Amino acid sequence: MVGSKDSELKLKLKMMIIEECEKDEIDVDDIADDLELFSPQSGLELDSLDALQISLGLQNNFGVRIADPKEFRRVVVSINTLAEYIQPK
C-alpha cells in the first residue's frame, strides 16, 4: 500500500508528533495530511527541538533513522510525505 493512502499509518504519525512534541492541545483531526508541518500557517508551532523529537520518535516508533538534515527537511514536509517515506521501510 502506498504510504500516503495508508490512513492507519498517517494516524500513528500524527499521534506520534503530538506526543513527542508535547502538543496536547492539538487533536489528530487538526493536522491535515497535506499540511506543511513546520510552516507558520500550520498552527503547530513546531521548532528545531520538535524536529529532533520527531526524528527520535521516527526511530523509536518506526525504526526509521533520518540522519541527514537535508533529507529530514525533504521528508518531514507533511504527513503524506512522511508516510510515503516510511511505508517502504
Protein backbone atom coordinates (compact mmCIF):
# COMPACT_ATOMS: atom_id res chain seq x y z
CA MET A 1 0.00 0.00 0.00
CA VAL A 2 1.26 3.46 -0.85
CA GLY A 3 2.11 5.39 2.32
CA SER A 4 0.03 8.46 1.62
CA LYS A 5 -3.04 6.26 1.18
CA ASP A 6 -2.45 4.33 4.44
CA SER A 7 -4.81 6.07 6.87
CA GLU A 8 -3.70 3.94 9.84
CA LEU A 9 -0.04 4.86 9.31
CA LYS A 10 -0.93 8.55 8.97
CA LEU A 11 -2.95 8.43 12.19
CA LYS A 12 0.02 6.84 14.00
CA LEU A 13 2.33 9.55 12.64
CA LYS A 14 0.01 12.32 13.83
CA MET A 15 -0.29 10.76 17.28
CA MET A 16 3.49 10.35 17.46
CA ILE A 17 4.09 14.01 16.55
CA ILE A 18 1.54 15.21 19.12
CA GLU A 19 3.08 13.01 21.82
CA GLU A 20 6.76 13.59 21.02
CA CYS A 21 6.34 17.36 20.68
CA GLU A 22 4.06 17.59 23.71
CA LYS A 23 1.31 19.32 21.71
CA ASP A 24 -1.53 18.02 23.87
CA GLU A 25 -3.76 20.94 22.83
CA ILE A 26 -3.67 19.66 19.23
CA ASP A 27 -6.04 16.92 18.09
CA VAL A 28 -5.15 14.49 15.31
CA ASP A 29 -8.07 15.91 13.32
CA ASP A 30 -6.37 19.33 13.43
CA ILE A 31 -3.47 18.00 11.34
CA ALA A 32 -4.40 17.72 7.66
CA ASP A 33 -2.47 15.09 5.73
CA ASP A 34 -1.04 17.68 3.32
CA LEU A 35 -0.40 20.39 5.95
CA GLU A 36 3.16 21.74 5.91
CA LEU A 37 4.14 20.73 9.43
CA PHE A 38 6.81 23.38 10.05
CA SER A 39 5.03 26.29 8.37
CA PRO A 40 3.68 29.20 10.43
CA GLN A 41 0.25 28.54 8.89
CA SER A 42 0.11 25.03 10.35
CA GLY A 43 -0.72 26.27 13.84
CA LEU A 44 1.50 23.53 15.27
CA GLU A 45 4.31 25.94 16.18
CA LEU A 46 6.98 23.31 15.61
CA ASP A 47 10.61 24.35 16.03
CA SER A 48 14.08 22.77 15.81
CA LEU A 49 13.66 20.96 19.15
CA ASP A 50 10.42 19.49 17.85
CA ALA A 51 12.28 18.34 14.73
CA LEU A 52 14.72 16.47 16.96
CA GLN A 53 11.83 14.94 18.91
CA ILE A 54 10.13 13.87 15.66
CA SER A 55 13.40 12.36 14.45
CA LEU A 56 13.77 10.37 17.67
CA GLY A 57 10.11 9.36 17.54
CA LEU A 58 10.51 8.05 13.99
CA GLN A 59 13.48 6.00 15.07
CA ASN A 60 11.84 4.62 18.22
CA ASN A 61 8.35 4.01 16.81
CA PHE A 62 9.02 3.10 13.18
CA GLY A 63 12.69 2.06 13.07
CA VAL A 64 13.40 4.87 10.61
CA ARG A 65 16.52 6.97 11.08
CA ILE A 66 16.92 10.19 9.11
CA ALA A 67 20.43 11.42 9.94
CA ASP A 68 20.89 13.93 7.12
CA PRO A 69 19.24 17.31 7.90
CA LYS A 70 18.56 17.97 4.20
CA GLU A 71 16.82 14.63 3.84
CA PHE A 72 14.82 15.33 7.03
CA ARG A 73 13.60 18.65 5.59
CA ARG A 74 12.67 16.90 2.34
CA VAL A 75 10.83 14.04 4.06
CA VAL A 76 9.12 15.74 7.02
CA VAL A 77 7.13 18.25 4.99
CA SER A 78 3.69 16.81 5.65
CA ILE A 79 2.07 13.66 6.97
CA ASN A 80 1.71 12.47 3.36
CA THR A 81 5.42 12.88 2.54
CA LEU A 82 6.40 11.25 5.81
CA ALA A 83 4.07 8.29 5.23
CA GLU A 84 5.42 7.87 1.68
CA TYR A 85 8.96 7.72 3.07
CA ILE A 86 8.18 5.30 5.90
CA GLN A 87 5.92 2.88 4.03
CA PRO A 88 8.62 1.10 2.02
CA LYS A 89 10.90 0.80 5.10
